PDB file of N, CA and C in Angstrom:
ATOM      1  N   MET A   1      54.306  18.252 156.997  1.00  0.00           N
ATOM      2  CA  MET A   1      53.498  19.071 155.956  1.00  0.00           C
ATOM      3  C   MET A   1      52.357  19.590 156.304  1.00  0.00           C
ATOM      4  N   SER A   2      51.984  20.655 156.200  1.00  0.00           N
ATOM      5  CA  SER A   2      50.347  21.127 156.811  1.00  0.00           C
ATOM      6  C   SER A   2      49.726  21.418 155.515  1.00  0.00           C
ATOM      7  N   LEU A   3      48.372  20.696 155.368  1.00  0.00           N
ATOM      8  CA  LEU A   3      47.560  20.925 153.882  1.00  0.00           C
ATOM      9  C   LEU A   3      46.341  21.143 154.429  1.00  0.00           C
ATOM     10  N   GLU A   4      45.873  21.917 153.165  1.00  0.00           N
ATOM     11  CA  GLU A   4      44.076  22.459 153.548  1.00  0.00           C
ATOM     12  C   GLU A   4      43.622  21.814 152.457  1.00  0.00           C
ATOM     13  N   LEU A   5      42.267  21.058 152.841  1.00  0.00           N
ATOM     14  CA  LEU A   5      41.378  20.433 151.524  1.00  0.00           C
ATOM     15  C   LEU A   5      40.887  21.585 150.943  1.00  0.00           C
ATOM     16  N   LEU A   6      40.605  21.309 149.642  1.00  0.00           N
ATOM     17  CA  LEU A   6      40.023  22.295 148.692  1.00  0.00           C
ATOM     18  C   LEU A   6      38.585  21.545 148.478  1.00  0.00           C
ATOM     19  N   PHE A   7      38.194  20.430 148.532  1.00  0.00           N
ATOM     20  CA  PHE A   7      36.867  19.836 148.703  1.00  0.00           C
ATOM     21  C   PHE A   7      36.783  18.890 149.475  1.00  0.00           C
ATOM     22  N   ASP A   8      35.263  18.355 149.779  1.00  0.00           N
ATOM     23  CA  ASP A   8      35.080  17.473 150.920  1.00  0.00           C
ATOM     24  C   ASP A   8      35.416  16.269 150.459  1.00  0.00           C
ATOM     25  N   GLU A   9      35.580  15.603 149.201  1.00  0.00           N
ATOM     26  CA  GLU A   9      35.743  14.316 148.769  1.00  0.00           C
ATOM     27  C   GLU A   9      37.032  14.192 147.714  1.00  0.00           C
ATOM     28  N   PRO A  10      37.591  12.920 147.975  1.00  0.00           N
ATOM     29  CA  PRO A  10      38.615  13.224 146.646  1.00  0.00           C
ATOM     30  C   PRO A  10      38.141  12.120 145.543  1.00  0.00           C
ATOM     31  N   MET A  11      39.055  12.449 144.585  1.00  0.00           N
ATOM     32  CA  MET A  11      38.149  11.994 143.091  1.00  0.00           C
ATOM     33  C   MET A  11      38.980  10.421 143.591  1.00  0.00           C
ATOM     34  N   VAL A  12      37.664   9.377 143.189  1.00  0.00           N
ATOM     35  CA  VAL A  12      38.321   8.169 143.235  1.00  0.00           C
ATOM     36  C   VAL A  12      38.662   7.676 141.880  1.00  0.00           C
ATOM     37  N   GLY A  13      39.595   6.534 141.758  1.00  0.00           N
ATOM     38  CA  GLY A  13      39.426   6.064 140.601  1.00  0.00           C
ATOM     39  C   GLY A  13      40.592   4.987 140.528  1.00  0.00           C
ATOM     40  N   GLN A  14      40.924   3.925 139.298  1.00  0.00           N
ATOM     41  CA  GLN A  14      41.244   3.081 139.410  1.00  0.00           C
ATOM     42  C   GLN A  14      42.386   3.075 138.051  1.00  0.00           C
ATOM     43  N   SER A  15      43.705   2.276 138.663  1.00  0.00           N
ATOM     44  CA  SER A  15      44.754   2.515 137.741  1.00  0.00           C
ATOM     45  C   SER A  15      45.166   0.899 137.784  1.00  0.00           C
ATOM     46  N   ARG A  16      46.262   0.509 136.871  1.00  0.00           N
ATOM     47  CA  ARG A  16      46.686  -0.718 136.988  1.00  0.00           C
ATOM     48  C   ARG A  16      47.242  -1.213 138.156  1.00  0.00           C
ATOM     49  N   TYR A  17      47.737   0.273 139.609  1.00  0.00           N
ATOM     50  CA  TYR A  17      48.323  -0.472 140.470  1.00  0.00           C
ATOM     51  C   TYR A  17      47.298  -0.489 141.519  1.00  0.00           C
ATOM     52  N   GLY A  18      46.057  -0.363 141.267  1.00  0.00           N
ATOM     53  CA  GLY A  18      44.853  -0.488 142.319  1.00  0.00           C
ATOM     54  C   GLY A  18      44.107   1.198 142.316  1.00  0.00           C
ATOM     55  N   GLU A  19      43.349   0.834 143.441  1.00  0.00           N
ATOM     56  CA  GLU A  19      42.544   2.254 143.477  1.00  0.00           C
ATOM     57  C   GLU A  19      43.427   3.292 144.000  1.00  0.00           C
ATOM     58  N   TYR A  20      42.903   4.647 143.415  1.00  0.00           N
ATOM     59  CA  TYR A  20      43.432   5.681 144.040  1.00  0.00           C
ATOM     60  C   TYR A  20      42.845   6.984 144.629  1.00  0.00           C
ATOM     61  N   TYR A  21      43.333   7.669 145.361  1.00  0.00           N
ATOM     62  CA  TYR A  21      42.421   8.704 146.190  1.00  0.00           C
ATOM     63  C   TYR A  21      43.316  10.219 145.673  1.00  0.00           C
ATOM     64  N   LEU A  22      42.604  11.051 144.694  1.00  0.00           N
ATOM     65  CA  LEU A  22      43.095  12.391 144.378  1.00  0.00           C
ATOM     66  C   LEU A  22      42.752  13.290 144.982  1.00  0.00           C
ATOM     67  N   TYR A  23      43.200  14.090 145.834  1.00  0.00           N
ATOM     68  CA  TYR A  23      42.760  15.490 146.717  1.00  0.00           C
ATOM     69  C   TYR A  23      43.313  16.494 145.935  1.00  0.00           C
ATOM     70  N   ALA A  24      42.749  17.679 146.078  1.00  0.00           N
ATOM     71  CA  ALA A  24      43.015  19.010 145.590  1.00  0.00           C
ATOM     72  C   ALA A  24      43.719  19.802 147.109  1.00  0.00           C
ATOM     73  N   VAL A  25      44.380  20.385 146.941  1.00  0.00           N
ATOM     74  CA  VAL A  25      45.012  20.703 148.388  1.00  0.00           C
ATOM     75  C   VAL A  25      45.812  21.998 148.313  1.00  0.00           C
ATOM     76  N   LYS A  26      46.024  22.798 149.569  1.00  0.00           N
ATOM     77  CA  LYS A  26      46.879  23.867 149.175  1.00  0.00           C
ATOM     78  C   LYS A  26      47.664  23.580 150.532  1.00  0.00           C
ATOM     79  N   ASN A  27      49.028  24.296 150.551  1.00  0.00           N
ATOM     80  CA  ASN A  27      50.065  24.121 151.688  1.00  0.00           C
ATOM     81  C   ASN A  27      50.139  25.308 152.272  1.00  0.00           C
ATOM     82  N   GLY A  28      49.161  26.534 152.654  1.00  0.00           N
ATOM     83  CA  GLY A  28      49.752  27.504 153.233  1.00  0.00           C
ATOM     84  C   GLY A  28      49.699  28.638 152.287  1.00  0.00           C
ATOM     85  N   THR A  29      49.817  28.351 150.775  1.00  0.00           N
ATOM     86  CA  THR A  29      50.065  29.318 150.057  1.00  0.00           C
ATOM     87  C   THR A  29      48.829  29.755 148.881  1.00  0.00           C
ATOM     88  N   ASP A  30      48.752  30.394 147.710  1.00  0.00           N
ATOM     89  CA  ASP A  30      47.856  30.396 147.043  1.00  0.00           C
ATOM     90  C   ASP A  30      47.885  29.345 145.956  1.00  0.00           C
ATOM     91  N   GLN A  31      49.046  28.791 146.065  1.00  0.00           N
ATOM     92  CA  GLN A  31      48.989  27.590 145.035  1.00  0.00           C
ATOM     93  C   GLN A  31      48.485  26.519 145.297  1.00  0.00           C
ATOM     94  N   GLU A  32      47.531  25.457 144.535  1.00  0.00           N
ATOM     95  CA  GLU A  32      47.062  24.288 144.597  1.00  0.00           C
ATOM     96  C   GLU A  32      47.898  23.125 144.313  1.00  0.00           C
ATOM     97  N   TYR A  33      47.581  22.251 144.847  1.00  0.00           N
ATOM     98  CA  TYR A  33      48.077  21.065 144.386  1.00  0.00           C
ATOM     99  C   TYR A  33      47.492  19.819 144.478  1.00  0.00           C
ATOM    100  N   SER A  34      48.197  18.760 143.833  1.00  0.00           N
ATOM    101  CA  SER A  34      47.098  17.252 143.626  1.00  0.00           C
ATOM    102  C   SER A  34      48.083  16.448 144.567  1.00  0.00           C
ATOM    103  N   PHE A  35      47.074  15.794 145.640  1.00  0.00           N
ATOM    104  CA  PHE A  35      47.874  15.138 146.489  1.00  0.00           C
ATOM    105  C   PHE A  35      47.245  13.547 146.236  1.00  0.00           C
ATOM    106  N   PHE A  36      47.652  12.634 145.813  1.00  0.00           N
ATOM    107  CA  PHE A  36      47.328  11.112 145.756  1.00  0.00           C
ATOM    108  C   PHE A  36      47.624  10.690 146.970  1.00  0.00           C
ATOM    109  N   ALA A  37      46.699  10.354 147.802  1.00  0.00           N
ATOM    110  CA  ALA A  37      46.593   9.853 149.208  1.00  0.00           C
ATOM    111  C   ALA A  37      46.989   8.366 149.085  1.00  0.00           C
ATOM    112  N   PRO A  38      47.742   7.732 149.784  1.00  0.00           N
ATOM    113  CA  PRO A  38      47.364   6.101 149.868  1.00  0.00           C
ATOM    114  C   PRO A  38      46.630   5.948 150.942  1.00  0.00           C
ATOM    115  N   ALA A  39      45.951   4.732 150.882  1.00  0.00           N
ATOM    116  CA  ALA A  39      44.751   4.029 151.284  1.00  0.00           C
ATOM    117  C   ALA A  39      44.945   4.526 152.831  1.00  0.00           C
ATOM    118  N   GLU A  40      45.725   4.040 153.606  1.00  0.00           N
ATOM    119  CA  GLU A  40      45.808   4.533 154.778  1.00  0.00           C
ATOM    120  C   GLU A  40      45.761   5.737 155.309  1.00  0.00           C
ATOM    121  N   VAL A  41      46.067   6.616 154.409  1.00  0.00           N
ATOM    122  CA  VAL A  41      46.215   8.176 154.583  1.00  0.00           C
ATOM    123  C   VAL A  41      44.784   8.599 154.043  1.00  0.00           C
ATOM    124  N   ASN A  42      44.086   8.285 153.489  1.00  0.00           N
ATOM    125  CA  ASN A  42      42.830   8.581 152.967  1.00  0.00           C
ATOM    126  C   ASN A  42      41.912   7.909 153.952  1.00  0.00           C
ATOM    127  N   GLU A  43      41.901   6.957 154.493  1.00  0.00           N
ATOM    128  CA  GLU A  43      41.047   6.195 155.678  1.00  0.00           C
ATOM    129  C   GLU A  43      41.206   7.397 156.914  1.00  0.00           C
ATOM    130  N   GLN A  44      42.233   8.027 157.224  1.00  0.00           N
ATOM    131  CA  GLN A  44      42.165   8.579 158.268  1.00  0.00           C
ATOM    132  C   GLN A  44      41.776  10.367 157.926  1.00  0.00           C
ATOM    133  N   ILE A  45      41.730  10.691 156.573  1.00  0.00           N
ATOM    134  CA  ILE A  45      41.273  12.030 156.312  1.00  0.00           C
ATOM    135  C   ILE A  45      39.947  12.214 155.590  1.00  0.00           C
ATOM    136  N   LYS A  46      39.251  11.007 155.107  1.00  0.00           N
ATOM    137  CA  LYS A  46      38.242  10.901 154.566  1.00  0.00           C
ATOM    138  C   LYS A  46      37.053  11.498 155.203  1.00  0.00           C
ATOM    139  N   THR A  47      37.010  11.977 156.308  1.00  0.00           N
ATOM    140  CA  THR A  47      35.852  12.373 157.246  1.00  0.00           C
ATOM    141  C   THR A  47      36.486  14.021 157.522  1.00  0.00           C
ATOM    142  N   LEU A  48      37.114  14.746 156.863  1.00  0.00           N
ATOM    143  CA  LEU A  48      37.546  15.858 156.901  1.00  0.00           C
ATOM    144  C   LEU A  48      36.729  16.791 155.833  1.00  0.00           C
ATOM    145  N   LYS A  49      36.655  17.765 156.320  1.00  0.00           N
ATOM    146  CA  LYS A  49      35.719  18.606 155.171  1.00  0.00           C
ATOM    147  C   LYS A  49      36.585  20.041 154.240  1.00  0.00           C
ATOM    148  N   LYS A  50      35.880  20.332 153.773  1.00  0.00           N
ATOM    149  CA  LYS A  50      36.724  21.541 152.999  1.00  0.00           C
ATOM    150  C   LYS A  50      36.971  22.636 153.666  1.00  0.00           C
ATOM    151  N   GLY A  51      37.899  23.000 153.496  1.00  0.00           N
ATOM    152  CA  GLY A  51      38.729  23.918 154.230  1.00  0.00           C
ATOM    153  C   GLY A  51      39.581  23.636 155.501  1.00  0.00           C
ATOM    154  N   GLU A  52      39.302  22.406 155.960  1.00  0.00           N
ATOM    155  CA  GLU A  52      39.862  21.697 157.232  1.00  0.00           C
ATOM    156  C   GLU A  52      41.470  21.743 156.875  1.00  0.00           C
ATOM    157  N   ARG A  53      42.373  21.674 157.822  1.00  0.00           N
ATOM    158  CA  ARG A  53      43.673  21.669 157.804  1.00  0.00           C
ATOM    159  C   ARG A  53      44.002  20.461 158.371  1.00  0.00           C
ATOM    160  N   PHE A  54      45.415  19.553 158.000  1.00  0.00           N
ATOM    161  CA  PHE A  54      45.726  18.236 158.704  1.00  0.00           C
ATOM    162  C   PHE A  54      47.208  18.480 158.479  1.00  0.00           C
ATOM    163  N   GLU A  55      47.985  17.614 159.178  1.00  0.00           N
ATOM    164  CA  GLU A  55      49.353  17.784 158.947  1.00  0.00           C
ATOM    165  C   GLU A  55      49.727  16.133 158.817  1.00  0.00           C
ATOM    166  N   ILE A  56      50.494  15.992 158.023  1.00  0.00           N
ATOM    167  CA  ILE A  56      51.029  14.694 157.524  1.00  0.00           C
ATOM    168  C   ILE A  56      52.767  14.696 157.726  1.00  0.00           C
ATOM    169  N   THR A  57      52.791  13.437 158.223  1.00  0.00           N
ATOM    170  CA  THR A  57      54.131  12.955 158.108  1.00  0.00           C
ATOM    171  C   THR A  57      54.680  11.514 157.732  1.00  0.00           C
ATOM    172  N   LYS A  58      55.525  11.741 156.480  1.00  0.00           N
ATOM    173  CA  LYS A  58      55.980  10.008 156.279  1.00  0.00           C
ATOM    174  C   LYS A  58      57.120   9.613 157.353  1.00  0.00           C
ATOM    175  N   THR A  59      57.031   8.322 157.513  1.00  0.00           N
ATOM    176  CA  THR A  59      58.043   7.846 158.013  1.00  0.00           C
ATOM    177  C   THR A  59      58.639   6.691 157.173  1.00  0.00           C
ATOM    178  N   ALA A  60      60.037   6.216 157.401  1.00  0.00           N
ATOM    179  CA  ALA A  60      60.582   5.166 156.954  1.00  0.00           C
ATOM    180  C   ALA A  60      61.710   4.711 157.845  1.00  0.00           C
ATOM    181  N   GLU A  61      61.199   3.151 157.947  1.00  0.00           N
ATOM    182  CA  GLU A  61      62.141   2.290 159.020  1.00  0.00           C
ATOM    183  C   GLU A  61      62.493   1.076 158.085  1.00  0.00           C
ATOM    184  N   GLN A  62      63.793   0.719 158.418  1.00  0.00           N
ATOM    185  CA  GLN A  62      64.297  -0.481 157.786  1.00  0.00           C
ATOM    186  C   GLN A  62      63.960  -1.777 158.567  1.00  0.00           C
ATOM    187  N   LYS A  63      63.099  -2.827 158.063  1.00  0.00           N
ATOM    188  CA  LYS A  63      63.021  -4.058 158.508  1.00  0.00           C
ATOM    189  C   LYS A  63      63.679  -5.298 158.058  1.00  0.00           C
ATOM    190  N   GLY A  64      64.986  -5.509 158.344  1.00  0.00           N
ATOM    191  CA  GLY A  64      65.796  -6.641 157.644  1.00  0.00           C
ATOM    192  C   GLY A  64      66.323  -5.875 156.250  1.00  0.00           C
ATOM    193  N   THR A  65      65.697  -6.305 154.881  1.00  0.00           N
ATOM    194  CA  THR A  65      66.242  -5.848 153.761  1.00  0.00           C
ATOM    195  C   THR A  65      65.026  -5.148 153.327  1.00  0.00           C
ATOM    196  N   LYS A  66      63.879  -5.003 153.917  1.00  0.00           N
ATOM    197  CA  LYS A  66      63.013  -3.906 153.393  1.00  0.00           C
ATOM    198  C   LYS A  66      62.766  -2.834 154.089  1.00  0.00           C
ATOM    199  N   ILE A  67      62.234  -1.938 153.373  1.00  0.00           N
ATOM    200  CA  ILE A  67      62.017  -0.313 153.945  1.00  0.00           C
ATOM    201  C   ILE A  67      60.608  -0.379 154.005  1.00  0.00           C
ATOM    202  N   VAL A  68      60.150   0.042 155.438  1.00  0.00           N
ATOM    203  CA  VAL A  68      58.532   0.106 155.582  1.00  0.00           C
ATOM    204  C   VAL A  68      58.441   1.490 155.747  1.00  0.00           C
ATOM    205  N   THR A  69      57.300   2.077 155.099  1.00  0.00           N
ATOM    206  CA  THR A  69      56.840   3.268 155.374  1.00  0.00           C
ATOM    207  C   THR A  69      55.430   3.257 156.092  1.00  0.00           C
ATOM    208  N   SER A  70      55.528   4.482 156.660  1.00  0.00           N
ATOM    209  CA  SER A  70      53.863   4.619 157.522  1.00  0.00           C
ATOM    210  C   SER A  70      53.838   6.131 157.507  1.00  0.00           C
ATOM    211  N   TYR A  71      52.429   6.546 157.487  1.00  0.00           N
ATOM    212  CA  TYR A  71      51.931   7.860 157.655  1.00  0.00           C
ATOM    213  C   TYR A  71      51.224   8.175 158.938  1.00  0.00           C
ATOM    214  N   ASN A  72      51.641   9.609 159.621  1.00  0.00           N
ATOM    215  CA  ASN A  72      51.142  10.197 160.684  1.00  0.00           C
ATOM    216  C   ASN A  72      50.246  11.082 160.243  1.00  0.00           C
ATOM    217  N   VAL A  73      48.814  10.966 160.618  1.00  0.00           N
ATOM    218  CA  VAL A  73      48.170  12.341 160.218  1.00  0.00           C
ATOM    219  C   VAL A  73      47.350  13.003 161.629  1.00  0.00           C
TER     220      VAL A  73
END
């Protein structure tokens, strides 16, 4: 998925599940979306500036009885 940042920094907050990072993005259309970035994705995109584009891919791999997800930005 290809996304464009609409602001330089995310809105950071706290929920009962821990800290969250909320970004406003567009995906190539005029439609705006909210993107709750996992901590590992936030670490990779927090240096990007408004208007910059990035691609993100989520992969899942089964290890024993667990499914482990990872993100490639």
